[in-house]
Amino acid sequence: MIKKIDEVINENVNGLHYGRRLLLPFVADILKIVIDDDILTDFNFEKSRADYNKEEYFTEINFMDYDNLQTVVSEFEQIKMIVVEEGENIFDFSTHRKIGLQVLDDHKIIIKEVDEDIPFIE
């Protein structure tokens, strides 16, 4: 069953990570990813450093420059993203969601809404 971003956050549904691959339990378009010191905004499979696929019940992201996300993102850091839930108007800034992903040891990703007070590179 497809989950909305609000459901994932409110119900504490985890994502997954395996090496350079991230699986998010909702379907969304990705506008920006901030990981380590990198800002990624181009998700063309052949030319970019990351690409993503929207599947029926989840979103898959593959990072080309990182063999293992767990070695790049420490337990005190987050992968930050701006996403727009599938079906929402991507050109309406009120639909842009800022989320943070914490990478855990057991292949889990904790998904949280990024607080407006936390610096987020625009």
PDB file of N, CA and C in Angstrom:
ATOM      1  N   MET A   1       0.838  -1.180   0.000  1.00  0.00           N
ATOM      2  CA  MET A   1       0.000   0.000   0.000  1.00  0.00           C
ATOM      3  C   MET A   1       0.889   1.252   0.000  1.00  0.00           C
ATOM      4  N   ILE A   2       0.561   2.180  -0.862  1.00  0.00           N
ATOM      5  CA  ILE A   2       1.348   3.403  -0.971  1.00  0.00           C
ATOM      6  C   ILE A   2       1.094   4.299   0.246  1.00  0.00           C
ATOM      7  N   LYS A   3       2.164   4.847   0.787  1.00  0.00           N
ATOM      8  CA  LYS A   3       2.060   5.737   1.944  1.00  0.00           C
ATOM      9  C   LYS A   3       2.389   7.163   1.516  1.00  0.00           C
ATOM     10  N   LYS A   4       1.747   8.106   2.152  1.00  0.00           N
ATOM     11  CA  LYS A   4       2.030   9.520   1.960  1.00  0.00           C
ATOM     12  C   LYS A   4       3.202   9.902   2.867  1.00  0.00           C
ATOM     13  N   ILE A   5       3.879  10.989   2.552  1.00  0.00           N
ATOM     14  CA  ILE A   5       5.012  11.441   3.361  1.00  0.00           C
ATOM     15  C   ILE A   5       4.579  11.693   4.799  1.00  0.00           C
ATOM     16  N   ASP A   6       3.423  12.333   4.993  1.00  0.00           N
ATOM     17  CA  ASP A   6       2.941  12.591   6.356  1.00  0.00           C
ATOM     18  C   ASP A   6       2.738  11.296   7.135  1.00  0.00           C
ATOM     19  N   GLU A   7       2.209  10.266   6.482  1.00  0.00           N
ATOM     20  CA  GLU A   7       2.015   8.973   7.149  1.00  0.00           C
ATOM     21  C   GLU A   7       3.359   8.375   7.563  1.00  0.00           C
ATOM     22  N   VAL A   8       4.329   8.431   6.665  1.00  0.00           N
ATOM     23  CA  VAL A   8       5.660   7.882   6.943  1.00  0.00           C
ATOM     24  C   VAL A   8       6.275   8.573   8.157  1.00  0.00           C
ATOM     25  N   ILE A   9       6.176   9.905   8.194  1.00  0.00           N
ATOM     26  CA  ILE A   9       6.769  10.664   9.299  1.00  0.00           C
ATOM     27  C   ILE A   9       5.995  10.422  10.590  1.00  0.00           C
ATOM     28  N   ASN A  10       4.666  10.513  10.551  1.00  0.00           N
ATOM     29  CA  ASN A  10       3.847  10.370  11.763  1.00  0.00           C
ATOM     30  C   ASN A  10       3.878   8.956  12.339  1.00  0.00           C
ATOM     31  N   GLU A  11       4.004   7.951  11.475  1.00  0.00           N
ATOM     32  CA  GLU A  11       4.006   6.551  11.918  1.00  0.00           C
ATOM     33  C   GLU A  11       5.419   6.005  12.115  1.00  0.00           C
ATOM     34  N   ASN A  12       6.428   6.850  11.940  1.00  0.00           N
ATOM     35  CA  ASN A  12       7.830   6.445  12.084  1.00  0.00           C
ATOM     36  C   ASN A  12       8.184   5.241  11.216  1.00  0.00           C
ATOM     37  N   VAL A  13       7.748   5.283   9.965  1.00  0.00           N
ATOM     38  CA  VAL A  13       8.075   4.220   9.014  1.00  0.00           C
ATOM     39  C   VAL A  13       9.498   4.470   8.521  1.00  0.00           C
ATOM     40  N   ASN A  14      10.329   3.442   8.577  1.00  0.00           N
ATOM     41  CA  ASN A  14      11.726   3.569   8.163  1.00  0.00           C
ATOM     42  C   ASN A  14      11.894   3.305   6.673  1.00  0.00           C
ATOM     43  N   GLY A  15      12.940   3.941   6.125  1.00  0.00           N
ATOM     44  CA  GLY A  15      13.407   3.601   4.800  1.00  0.00           C
ATOM     45  C   GLY A  15      14.525   2.573   4.944  1.00  0.00           C
ATOM     46  N   LEU A  16      15.157   2.234   3.831  1.00  0.00           N
ATOM     47  CA  LEU A  16      16.236   1.249   3.836  1.00  0.00           C
ATOM     48  C   LEU A  16      17.439   1.780   3.061  1.00  0.00           C
ATOM     49  N   HIS A  17      18.617   1.296   3.412  1.00  0.00           N
ATOM     50  CA  HIS A  17      19.820   1.600   2.632  1.00  0.00           C
ATOM     51  C   HIS A  17      20.645   0.332   2.489  1.00  0.00           C
ATOM     52  N   TYR A  18      21.209   0.184   1.312  1.00  0.00           N
ATOM     53  CA  TYR A  18      22.112  -0.940   1.010  1.00  0.00           C
ATOM     54  C   TYR A  18      23.228  -0.385   0.142  1.00  0.00           C
ATOM     55  N   GLY A  19      24.402  -0.220   0.725  1.00  0.00           N
ATOM     56  CA  GLY A  19      25.522   0.321  -0.024  1.00  0.00           C
ATOM     57  C   GLY A  19      25.236   1.733  -0.484  1.00  0.00           C
ATOM     58  N   ARG A  20      25.166   1.925  -1.780  1.00  0.00           N
ATOM     59  CA  ARG A  20      24.905   3.245  -2.358  1.00  0.00           C
ATOM     60  C   ARG A  20      23.428   3.470  -2.666  1.00  0.00           C
ATOM     61  N   ARG A  21      22.599   2.526  -2.313  1.00  0.00           N
ATOM     62  CA  ARG A  21      21.179   2.535  -2.671  1.00  0.00           C
ATOM     63  C   ARG A  21      20.305   2.890  -1.471  1.00  0.00           C
ATOM     64  N   LEU A  22      19.337   3.794  -1.711  1.00  0.00           N
ATOM     65  CA  LEU A  22      18.384   4.227  -0.691  1.00  0.00           C
ATOM     66  C   LEU A  22      16.971   3.908  -1.169  1.00  0.00           C
ATOM     67  N   LEU A  23      16.138   3.391  -0.275  1.00  0.00           N
ATOM     68  CA  LEU A  23      14.736   3.113  -0.599  1.00  0.00           C
ATOM     69  C   LEU A  23      13.855   3.893   0.367  1.00  0.00           C
ATOM     70  N   LEU A  24      13.004   4.754  -0.173  1.00  0.00           N
ATOM     71  CA  LEU A  24      12.097   5.563   0.639  1.00  0.00           C
ATOM     72  C   LEU A  24      10.682   5.012   0.512  1.00  0.00           C
ATOM     73  N   PRO A  25       9.936   4.903   1.620  1.00  0.00           N
ATOM     74  CA  PRO A  25       8.619   4.250   1.598  1.00  0.00           C
ATOM     75  C   PRO A  25       7.478   5.158   1.153  1.00  0.00           C
ATOM     76  N   PHE A  26       7.757   6.042   0.219  1.00  0.00           N
ATOM     77  CA  PHE A  26       6.743   6.898  -0.391  1.00  0.00           C
ATOM     78  C   PHE A  26       7.207   7.221  -1.807  1.00  0.00           C
ATOM     79  N   VAL A  27       6.309   7.729  -2.631  1.00  0.00           N
ATOM     80  CA  VAL A  27       6.650   8.053  -4.012  1.00  0.00           C
ATOM     81  C   VAL A  27       6.706   9.576  -4.140  1.00  0.00           C
ATOM     82  N   ALA A  28       7.844  10.077  -4.634  1.00  0.00           N
ATOM     83  CA  ALA A  28       8.032  11.528  -4.724  1.00  0.00           C
ATOM     84  C   ALA A  28       9.031  11.874  -5.820  1.00  0.00           C
ATOM     85  N   ASP A  29       8.917  13.121  -6.302  1.00  0.00           N
ATOM     86  CA  ASP A  29       9.942  13.693  -7.162  1.00  0.00           C
ATOM     87  C   ASP A  29      10.984  14.334  -6.254  1.00  0.00           C
ATOM     88  N   ILE A  30      12.238  14.200  -6.620  1.00  0.00           N
ATOM     89  CA  ILE A  30      13.327  14.736  -5.816  1.00  0.00           C
ATOM     90  C   ILE A  30      13.890  15.961  -6.518  1.00  0.00           C
ATOM     91  N   LEU A  31      13.912  17.073  -5.808  1.00  0.00           N
ATOM     92  CA  LEU A  31      14.428  18.313  -6.375  1.00  0.00           C
ATOM     93  C   LEU A  31      15.875  18.570  -5.979  1.00  0.00           C
ATOM     94  N   LYS A  32      16.238  18.197  -4.743  1.00  0.00           N
ATOM     95  CA  LYS A  32      17.595  18.462  -4.260  1.00  0.00           C
ATOM     96  C   LYS A  32      17.952  17.459  -3.168  1.00  0.00           C
ATOM     97  N   ILE A  33      19.226  17.067  -3.181  1.00  0.00           N
ATOM     98  CA  ILE A  33      19.780  16.228  -2.117  1.00  0.00           C
ATOM     99  C   ILE A  33      21.067  16.879  -1.636  1.00  0.00           C
ATOM    100  N   VAL A  34      21.207  17.009  -0.319  1.00  0.00           N
ATOM    101  CA  VAL A  34      22.448  17.482   0.278  1.00  0.00           C
ATOM    102  C   VAL A  34      22.996  16.314   1.086  1.00  0.00           C
ATOM    103  N   ILE A  35      24.157  15.814   0.648  1.00  0.00           N
ATOM    104  CA  ILE A  35      24.795  14.685   1.319  1.00  0.00           C
ATOM    105  C   ILE A  35      26.272  15.017   1.480  1.00  0.00           C
ATOM    106  N   ASP A  36      26.742  14.903   2.708  1.00  0.00           N
ATOM    107  CA  ASP A  36      28.109  15.291   3.026  1.00  0.00           C
ATOM    108  C   ASP A  36      28.276  16.757   2.609  1.00  0.00           C
ATOM    109  N   ASP A  37      29.225  17.093   1.759  1.00  0.00           N
ATOM    110  CA  ASP A  37      29.393  18.469   1.288  1.00  0.00           C
ATOM    111  C   ASP A  37      28.841  18.655  -0.120  1.00  0.00           C
ATOM    112  N   ASP A  38      28.141  17.671  -0.630  1.00  0.00           N
ATOM    113  CA  ASP A  38      27.636  17.712  -1.995  1.00  0.00           C
ATOM    114  C   ASP A  38      26.184  18.172  -2.051  1.00  0.00           C
ATOM    115  N   ILE A  39      25.888  18.980  -3.061  1.00  0.00           N
ATOM    116  CA  ILE A  39      24.515  19.380  -3.351  1.00  0.00           C
ATOM    117  C   ILE A  39      24.181  18.809  -4.723  1.00  0.00           C
ATOM    118  N   LEU A  40      23.201  17.928  -4.761  1.00  0.00           N
ATOM    119  CA  LEU A  40      22.823  17.259  -6.009  1.00  0.00           C
ATOM    120  C   LEU A  40      21.456  17.764  -6.464  1.00  0.00           C
ATOM    121  N   THR A  41      21.396  18.221  -7.716  1.00  0.00           N
ATOM    122  CA  THR A  41      20.127  18.691  -8.281  1.00  0.00           C
ATOM    123  C   THR A  41      19.851  18.107  -9.658  1.00  0.00           C
ATOM    124  N   ASP A  42      20.808  17.386 -10.210  1.00  0.00           N
ATOM    125  CA  ASP A  42      20.658  16.780 -11.534  1.00  0.00           C
ATOM    126  C   ASP A  42      20.569  15.272 -11.352  1.00  0.00           C
ATOM    127  N   PHE A  43      19.458  14.693 -11.799  1.00  0.00           N
ATOM    128  CA  PHE A  43      19.239  13.263 -11.591  1.00  0.00           C
ATOM    129  C   PHE A  43      19.049  12.519 -12.907  1.00  0.00           C
ATOM    130  N   ASN A  44      19.849  12.884 -13.896  1.00  0.00           N
ATOM    131  CA  ASN A  44      19.861  12.213 -15.180  1.00  0.00           C
ATOM    132  C   ASN A  44      20.784  11.006 -15.060  1.00  0.00           C
ATOM    133  N   PHE A  45      20.274   9.822 -15.314  1.00  0.00           N
ATOM    134  CA  PHE A  45      21.015   8.579 -15.088  1.00  0.00           C
ATOM    135  C   PHE A  45      22.391   8.570 -15.746  1.00  0.00           C
ATOM    136  N   GLU A  46      22.502   9.055 -16.956  1.00  0.00           N
ATOM    137  CA  GLU A  46      23.768   8.941 -17.681  1.00  0.00           C
ATOM    138  C   GLU A  46      24.788  10.014 -17.315  1.00  0.00           C
ATOM    139  N   LYS A  47      24.336  11.154 -16.777  1.00  0.00           N
ATOM    140  CA  LYS A  47      25.262  12.266 -16.568  1.00  0.00           C
ATOM    141  C   LYS A  47      25.429  12.686 -15.116  1.00  0.00           C
ATOM    142  N   SER A  48      24.586  12.248 -14.240  1.00  0.00           N
ATOM    143  CA  SER A  48      24.611  12.777 -12.878  1.00  0.00           C
ATOM    144  C   SER A  48      25.337  11.854 -11.913  1.00  0.00           C
ATOM    145  N   ARG A  49      25.466  12.348 -10.695  1.00  0.00           N
ATOM    146  CA  ARG A  49      26.116  11.583  -9.636  1.00  0.00           C
ATOM    147  C   ARG A  49      25.108  10.809  -8.809  1.00  0.00           C
ATOM    148  N   ALA A  50      23.822  10.985  -9.121  1.00  0.00           N
ATOM    149  CA  ALA A  50      22.748  10.238  -8.456  1.00  0.00           C
ATOM    150  C   ALA A  50      21.574  10.150  -9.407  1.00  0.00           C
ATOM    151  N   ASP A  51      20.810   9.093  -9.271  1.00  0.00           N
ATOM    152  CA  ASP A  51      19.565   9.006 -10.026  1.00  0.00           C
ATOM    153  C   ASP A  51      18.500   8.399  -9.135  1.00  0.00           C
ATOM    154  N   TYR A  52      17.257   8.591  -9.517  1.00  0.00           N
ATOM    155  CA  TYR A  52      16.174   8.018  -8.729  1.00  0.00           C
ATOM    156  C   TYR A  52      15.085   7.479  -9.643  1.00  0.00           C
ATOM    157  N   ASN A  53      14.376   6.500  -9.112  1.00  0.00           N
ATOM    158  CA  ASN A  53      13.269   5.874  -9.810  1.00  0.00           C
ATOM    159  C   ASN A  53      12.062   5.864  -8.897  1.00  0.00           C
ATOM    160  N   LYS A  54      10.916   6.233  -9.466  1.00  0.00           N
ATOM    161  CA  LYS A  54       9.668   6.146  -8.716  1.00  0.00           C
ATOM    162  C   LYS A  54       9.012   4.822  -9.072  1.00  0.00           C
ATOM    163  N   GLU A  55       8.881   3.967  -8.082  1.00  0.00           N
ATOM    164  CA  GLU A  55       8.227   2.682  -8.255  1.00  0.00           C
ATOM    165  C   GLU A  55       6.782   2.817  -7.780  1.00  0.00           C
ATOM    166  N   GLU A  56       6.030   1.740  -7.784  1.00  0.00           N
ATOM    167  CA  GLU A  56       4.617   1.808  -7.418  1.00  0.00           C
ATOM    168  C   GLU A  56       4.402   2.224  -5.965  1.00  0.00           C
ATOM    169  N   TYR A  57       5.245   1.719  -5.047  1.00  0.00           N
ATOM    170  CA  TYR A  57       5.056   1.975  -3.620  1.00  0.00           C
ATOM    171  C   TYR A  57       6.246   2.642  -2.932  1.00  0.00           C
ATOM    172  N   PHE A  58       7.300   2.927  -3.660  1.00  0.00           N
ATOM    173  CA  PHE A  58       8.487   3.506  -3.035  1.00  0.00           C
ATOM    174  C   PHE A  58       9.308   4.265  -4.056  1.00  0.00           C
ATOM    175  N   THR A  59      10.286   5.014  -3.554  1.00  0.00           N
ATOM    176  CA  THR A  59      11.234   5.741  -4.388  1.00  0.00           C
ATOM    177  C   THR A  59      12.625   5.183  -4.116  1.00  0.00           C
ATOM    178  N   GLU A  60      13.364   4.895  -5.172  1.00  0.00           N
ATOM    179  CA  GLU A  60      14.716   4.337  -5.068  1.00  0.00           C
ATOM    180  C   GLU A  60      15.716   5.384  -5.544  1.00  0.00           C
ATOM    181  N   ILE A  61      16.776   5.587  -4.755  1.00  0.00           N
ATOM    182  CA  ILE A  61      17.836   6.521  -5.121  1.00  0.00           C
ATOM    183  C   ILE A  61      19.154   5.766  -5.130  1.00  0.00           C
ATOM    184  N   ASN A  62      19.943   5.981  -6.180  1.00  0.00           N
ATOM    185  CA  ASN A  62      21.275   5.393  -6.280  1.00  0.00           C
ATOM    186  C   ASN A  62      22.301   6.511  -6.386  1.00  0.00           C
ATOM    187  N   PHE A  63      23.311   6.464  -5.515  1.00  0.00           N
ATOM    188  CA  PHE A  63      24.374   7.466  -5.497  1.00  0.00           C
ATOM    189  C   PHE A  63      25.610   6.877  -6.163  1.00  0.00           C
ATOM    190  N   MET A  64      26.060   7.480  -7.250  1.00  0.00           N
ATOM    191  CA  MET A  64      27.179   6.940  -8.017  1.00  0.00           C
ATOM    192  C   MET A  64      28.528   7.152  -7.327  1.00  0.00           C
ATOM    193  N   ASP A  65      28.667   8.231  -6.552  1.00  0.00           N
ATOM    194  CA  ASP A  65      29.963   8.592  -5.970  1.00  0.00           C
ATOM    195  C   ASP A  65      30.254   7.930  -4.626  1.00  0.00           C
ATOM    196  N   TYR A  66      29.290   7.235  -4.076  1.00  0.00           N
ATOM    197  CA  TYR A  66      29.462   6.648  -2.743  1.00  0.00           C
ATOM    198  C   TYR A  66      29.228   5.147  -2.815  1.00  0.00           C
ATOM    199  N   ASP A  67      30.215   4.377  -2.369  1.00  0.00           N
ATOM    200  CA  ASP A  67      30.043   2.927  -2.342  1.00  0.00           C
ATOM    201  C   ASP A  67      29.164   2.493  -1.181  1.00  0.00           C
ATOM    202  N   ASN A  68      29.237   3.245  -0.073  1.00  0.00           N
ATOM    203  CA  ASN A  68      28.485   2.873   1.113  1.00  0.00           C
ATOM    204  C   ASN A  68      28.059   4.140   1.849  1.00  0.00           C
ATOM    205  N   LEU A  69      26.773   4.412   1.879  1.00  0.00           N
ATOM    206  CA  LEU A  69      26.258   5.620   2.520  1.00  0.00           C
ATOM    207  C   LEU A  69      26.606   5.679   4.001  1.00  0.00           C
ATOM    208  N   GLN A  70      26.686   4.537   4.619  1.00  0.00           N
ATOM    209  CA  GLN A  70      26.962   4.480   6.055  1.00  0.00           C
ATOM    210  C   GLN A  70      28.356   5.006   6.380  1.00  0.00           C
ATOM    211  N   THR A  71      29.299   4.887   5.459  1.00  0.00           N
ATOM    212  CA  THR A  71      30.644   5.401   5.705  1.00  0.00           C
ATOM    213  C   THR A  71      30.740   6.897   5.417  1.00  0.00           C
ATOM    214  N   VAL A  72      29.779   7.452   4.695  1.00  0.00           N
ATOM    215  CA  VAL A  72      29.789   8.867   4.337  1.00  0.00           C
ATOM    216  C   VAL A  72      29.014   9.707   5.349  1.00  0.00           C
ATOM    217  N   VAL A  73      27.885   9.187   5.811  1.00  0.00           N
ATOM    218  CA  VAL A  73      26.996   9.930   6.698  1.00  0.00           C
ATOM    219  C   VAL A  73      27.112   9.351   8.107  1.00  0.00           C
ATOM    220  N   SER A  74      27.660  10.139   9.018  1.00  0.00           N
ATOM    221  CA  SER A  74      27.833   9.642  10.389  1.00  0.00           C
ATOM    222  C   SER A  74      26.489   9.638  11.109  1.00  0.00           C
ATOM    223  N   GLU A  75      26.468   9.051  12.300  1.00  0.00           N
ATOM    224  CA  GLU A  75      25.232   8.975  13.075  1.00  0.00           C
ATOM    225  C   GLU A  75      24.759  10.349  13.530  1.00  0.00           C
ATOM    226  N   PHE A  76      25.615  11.362  13.448  1.00  0.00           N
ATOM    227  CA  PHE A  76      25.252  12.709  13.883  1.00  0.00           C
ATOM    228  C   PHE A  76      24.876  13.610  12.702  1.00  0.00           C
ATOM    229  N   GLU A  77      24.907  13.078  11.493  1.00  0.00           N
ATOM    230  CA  GLU A  77      24.591  13.845  10.300  1.00  0.00           C
ATOM    231  C   GLU A  77      23.318  13.305   9.652  1.00  0.00           C
ATOM    232  N   GLN A  78      22.832  14.048   8.683  1.00  0.00           N
ATOM    233  CA  GLN A  78      21.656  13.628   7.922  1.00  0.00           C
ATOM    234  C   GLN A  78      21.894  13.841   6.439  1.00  0.00           C
ATOM    235  N   ILE A  79      21.196  13.076   5.646  1.00  0.00           N
ATOM    236  CA  ILE A  79      21.042  13.381   4.232  1.00  0.00           C
ATOM    237  C   ILE A  79      19.797  14.259   4.179  1.00  0.00           C
ATOM    238  N   LYS A  80      19.917  15.447   3.599  1.00  0.00           N
ATOM    239  CA  LYS A  80      18.774  16.356   3.518  1.00  0.00           C
ATOM    240  C   LYS A  80      18.247  16.373   2.092  1.00  0.00           C
ATOM    241  N   MET A  81      16.942  16.452   1.981  1.00  0.00           N
ATOM    242  CA  MET A  81      16.316  16.407   0.663  1.00  0.00           C
ATOM    243  C   MET A  81      15.153  17.379   0.582  1.00  0.00           C
ATOM    244  N   ILE A  82      14.920  17.872  -0.630  1.00  0.00           N
ATOM    245  CA  ILE A  82      13.675  18.568  -0.938  1.00  0.00           C
ATOM    246  C   ILE A  82      12.938  17.675  -1.923  1.00  0.00           C
ATOM    247  N   VAL A  83      11.723  17.281  -1.537  1.00  0.00           N
ATOM    248  CA  VAL A  83      10.924  16.373  -2.355  1.00  0.00           C
ATOM    249  C   VAL A  83       9.518  16.938  -2.536  1.00  0.00           C
ATOM    250  N   VAL A  84       8.854  16.458  -3.578  1.00  0.00           N
ATOM    251  CA  VAL A  84       7.445  16.788  -3.821  1.00  0.00           C
ATOM    252  C   VAL A  84       6.719  15.468  -4.003  1.00  0.00           C
ATOM    253  N   GLU A  85       5.729  15.252  -3.170  1.00  0.00           N
ATOM    254  CA  GLU A  85       4.970  14.018  -3.221  1.00  0.00           C
ATOM    255  C   GLU A  85       4.303  13.842  -4.586  1.00  0.00           C
ATOM    256  N   GLU A  86       4.320  12.616  -5.081  1.00  0.00           N
ATOM    257  CA  GLU A  86       3.709  12.342  -6.376  1.00  0.00           C
ATOM    258  C   GLU A  86       2.239  12.780  -6.358  1.00  0.00           C
ATOM    259  N   GLY A  87       1.836  13.450  -7.420  1.00  0.00           N
ATOM    260  CA  GLY A  87       0.469  13.946  -7.522  1.00  0.00           C
ATOM    261  C   GLY A  87       0.321  15.393  -7.097  1.00  0.00           C
ATOM    262  N   GLU A  88       1.353  15.939  -6.445  1.00  0.00           N
ATOM    263  CA  GLU A  88       1.327  17.348  -6.018  1.00  0.00           C
ATOM    264  C   GLU A  88       1.948  18.219  -7.111  1.00  0.00           C
ATOM    265  N   ASN A  89       1.643  19.494  -7.086  1.00  0.00           N
ATOM    266  CA  ASN A  89       2.144  20.453  -8.059  1.00  0.00           C
ATOM    267  C   ASN A  89       3.589  20.810  -7.730  1.00  0.00           C
ATOM    268  N   ILE A  90       4.507  20.392  -8.564  1.00  0.00           N
ATOM    269  CA  ILE A  90       5.931  20.616  -8.333  1.00  0.00           C
ATOM    270  C   ILE A  90       6.289  22.106  -8.395  1.00  0.00           C
ATOM    271  N   PHE A  91       5.462  22.925  -9.059  1.00  0.00           N
ATOM    272  CA  PHE A  91       5.739  24.348  -9.203  1.00  0.00           C
ATOM    273  C   PHE A  91       5.159  25.194  -8.070  1.00  0.00           C
ATOM    274  N   ASP A  92       4.445  24.566  -7.159  1.00  0.00           N
ATOM    275  CA  ASP A  92       3.883  25.234  -5.991  1.00  0.00           C
ATOM    276  C   ASP A  92       4.836  25.004  -4.822  1.00  0.00           C
ATOM    277  N   PHE A  93       5.534  26.059  -4.397  1.00  0.00           N
ATOM    278  CA  PHE A  93       6.548  25.907  -3.356  1.00  0.00           C
ATOM    279  C   PHE A  93       5.978  25.395  -2.041  1.00  0.00           C
ATOM    280  N   SER A  94       4.690  25.549  -1.819  1.00  0.00           N
ATOM    281  CA  SER A  94       4.103  25.040  -0.572  1.00  0.00           C
ATOM    282  C   SER A  94       4.049  23.518  -0.545  1.00  0.00           C
ATOM    283  N   THR A  95       4.249  22.855  -1.696  1.00  0.00           N
ATOM    284  CA  THR A  95       4.262  21.391  -1.738  1.00  0.00           C
ATOM    285  C   THR A  95       5.668  20.820  -1.577  1.00  0.00           C
ATOM    286  N   HIS A  96       6.680  21.682  -1.555  1.00  0.00           N
ATOM    287  CA  HIS A  96       8.067  21.234  -1.395  1.00  0.00           C
ATOM    288  C   HIS A  96       8.287  20.850   0.066  1.00  0.00           C
ATOM    289  N   ARG A  97       8.700  19.604   0.289  1.00  0.00           N
ATOM    290  CA  ARG A  97       8.913  19.083   1.651  1.00  0.00           C
ATOM    291  C   ARG A  97      10.398  18.927   1.902  1.00  0.00           C
ATOM    292  N   LYS A  98      10.855  19.435   3.041  1.00  0.00           N
ATOM    293  CA  LYS A  98      12.248  19.267   3.450  1.00  0.00           C
ATOM    294  C   LYS A  98      12.288  18.115   4.440  1.00  0.00           C
ATOM    295  N   ILE A  99      13.022  17.071   4.064  1.00  0.00           N
ATOM    296  CA  ILE A  99      13.137  15.913   4.948  1.00  0.00           C
ATOM    297  C   ILE A  99      14.606  15.607   5.220  1.00  0.00           C
ATOM    298  N   GLY A 100      14.844  14.978   6.356  1.00  0.00           N
ATOM    299  CA  GLY A 100      16.185  14.544   6.734  1.00  0.00           C
ATOM    300  C   GLY A 100      16.188  13.043   6.919  1.00  0.00           C
ATOM    301  N   LEU A 101      17.250  12.409   6.479  1.00  0.00           N
ATOM    302  CA  LEU A 101      17.399  10.954   6.571  1.00  0.00           C
ATOM    303  C   LEU A 101      18.608  10.634   7.434  1.00  0.00           C
ATOM    304  N   GLN A 102      18.379   9.872   8.474  1.00  0.00           N
ATOM    305  CA  GLN A 102      19.475   9.422   9.327  1.00  0.00           C
ATOM    306  C   GLN A 102      19.780   7.974   8.997  1.00  0.00           C
ATOM    307  N   VAL A 103      21.035   7.688   8.678  1.00  0.00           N
ATOM    308  CA  VAL A 103      21.480   6.358   8.274  1.00  0.00           C
ATOM    309  C   VAL A 103      21.861   5.565   9.518  1.00  0.00           C
ATOM    310  N   LEU A 104      21.201   4.435   9.749  1.00  0.00           N
ATOM    311  CA  LEU A 104      21.485   3.572  10.896  1.00  0.00           C
ATOM    312  C   LEU A 104      22.266   2.338  10.477  1.00  0.00           C
ATOM    313  N   ASP A 105      22.832   1.635  11.473  1.00  0.00           N
ATOM    314  CA  ASP A 105      23.668   0.461  11.223  1.00  0.00           C
ATOM    315  C   ASP A 105      22.929  -0.707  10.593  1.00  0.00           C
ATOM    316  N   ASP A 106      21.678  -0.880  10.916  1.00  0.00           N
ATOM    317  CA  ASP A 106      20.947  -2.090  10.516  1.00  0.00           C
ATOM    318  C   ASP A 106      20.170  -1.932   9.203  1.00  0.00           C
ATOM    319  N   HIS A 107      20.723  -1.172   8.267  1.00  0.00           N
ATOM    320  CA  HIS A 107      20.138  -0.913   6.955  1.00  0.00           C
ATOM    321  C   HIS A 107      18.892  -0.043   7.016  1.00  0.00           C
ATOM    322  N   LYS A 108      18.598   0.551   8.173  1.00  0.00           N
ATOM    323  CA  LYS A 108      17.414   1.386   8.304  1.00  0.00           C
ATOM    324  C   LYS A 108      17.752   2.860   8.100  1.00  0.00           C
ATOM    325  N   ILE A 109      16.763   3.576   7.612  1.00  0.00           N
ATOM    326  CA  ILE A 109      16.833   5.021   7.465  1.00  0.00           C
ATOM    327  C   ILE A 109      15.687   5.618   8.273  1.00  0.00           C
ATOM    328  N   ILE A 110      15.999   6.521   9.189  1.00  0.00           N
ATOM    329  CA  ILE A 110      14.959   7.249   9.914  1.00  0.00           C
ATOM    330  C   ILE A 110      14.624   8.500   9.108  1.00  0.00           C
ATOM    331  N   ILE A 111      13.346   8.719   8.881  1.00  0.00           N
ATOM    332  CA  ILE A 111      12.878   9.830   8.051  1.00  0.00           C
ATOM    333  C   ILE A 111      12.162  10.840   8.940  1.00  0.00           C
ATOM    334  N   LYS A 112      12.617  12.075   8.904  1.00  0.00           N
ATOM    335  CA  LYS A 112      12.024  13.151   9.711  1.00  0.00           C
ATOM    336  C   LYS A 112      11.834  14.388   8.841  1.00  0.00           C
ATOM    337  N   GLU A 113      10.863  15.197   9.234  1.00  0.00           N
ATOM    338  CA  GLU A 113      10.712  16.512   8.613  1.00  0.00           C
ATOM    339  C   GLU A 113      11.842  17.377   9.144  1.00  0.00           C
ATOM    340  N   VAL A 114      12.497  18.146   8.264  1.00  0.00           N
ATOM    341  CA  VAL A 114      13.581  19.025   8.692  1.00  0.00           C
ATOM    342  C   VAL A 114      12.957  20.284   9.277  1.00  0.00           C
ATOM    343  N   ASP A 115      13.359  20.593  10.478  1.00  0.00           N
ATOM    344  CA  ASP A 115      12.885  21.784  11.174  1.00  0.00           C
ATOM    345  C   ASP A 115      13.344  23.021  10.406  1.00  0.00           C
ATOM    346  N   GLU A 116      12.500  24.015  10.304  1.00  0.00           N
ATOM    347  CA  GLU A 116      12.863  25.241   9.584  1.00  0.00           C
ATOM    348  C   GLU A 116      14.088  25.928  10.179  1.00  0.00           C
ATOM    349  N   ASP A 117      14.372  25.682  11.473  1.00  0.00           N
ATOM    350  CA  ASP A 117      15.522  26.324  12.121  1.00  0.00           C
ATOM    351  C   ASP A 117      16.847  25.663  11.776  1.00  0.00           C
ATOM    352  N   ILE A 118      16.807  24.444  11.261  1.00  0.00           N
ATOM    353  CA  ILE A 118      18.031  23.730  10.896  1.00  0.00           C
ATOM    354  C   ILE A 118      18.519  24.267   9.555  1.00  0.00           C
ATOM    355  N   PRO A 119      19.796  24.639   9.447  1.00  0.00           N
ATOM    356  CA  PRO A 119      20.298  25.167   8.179  1.00  0.00           C
ATOM    357  C   PRO A 119      20.117  24.149   7.051  1.00  0.00           C
ATOM    358  N   PHE A 120      19.598  24.634   5.961  1.00  0.00           N
ATOM    359  CA  PHE A 120      19.379  23.792   4.788  1.00  0.00           C
ATOM    360  C   PHE A 120      19.836  24.609   3.596  1.00  0.00           C
ATOM    361  N   ILE A 121      20.837  24.140   2.919  1.00  0.00           N
ATOM    362  CA  ILE A 121      21.434  24.903   1.821  1.00  0.00           C
ATOM    363  C   ILE A 121      20.418  25.065   0.706  1.00  0.00           C
ATOM    364  N   GLU A 122      20.098  26.284   0.396  1.00  0.00           N
ATOM    365  CA  GLU A 122      19.134  26.586  -0.669  1.00  0.00           C
ATOM    366  C   GLU A 122      19.895  26.823  -1.911  1.00  0.00           C
TER     367      GLU A 122
END
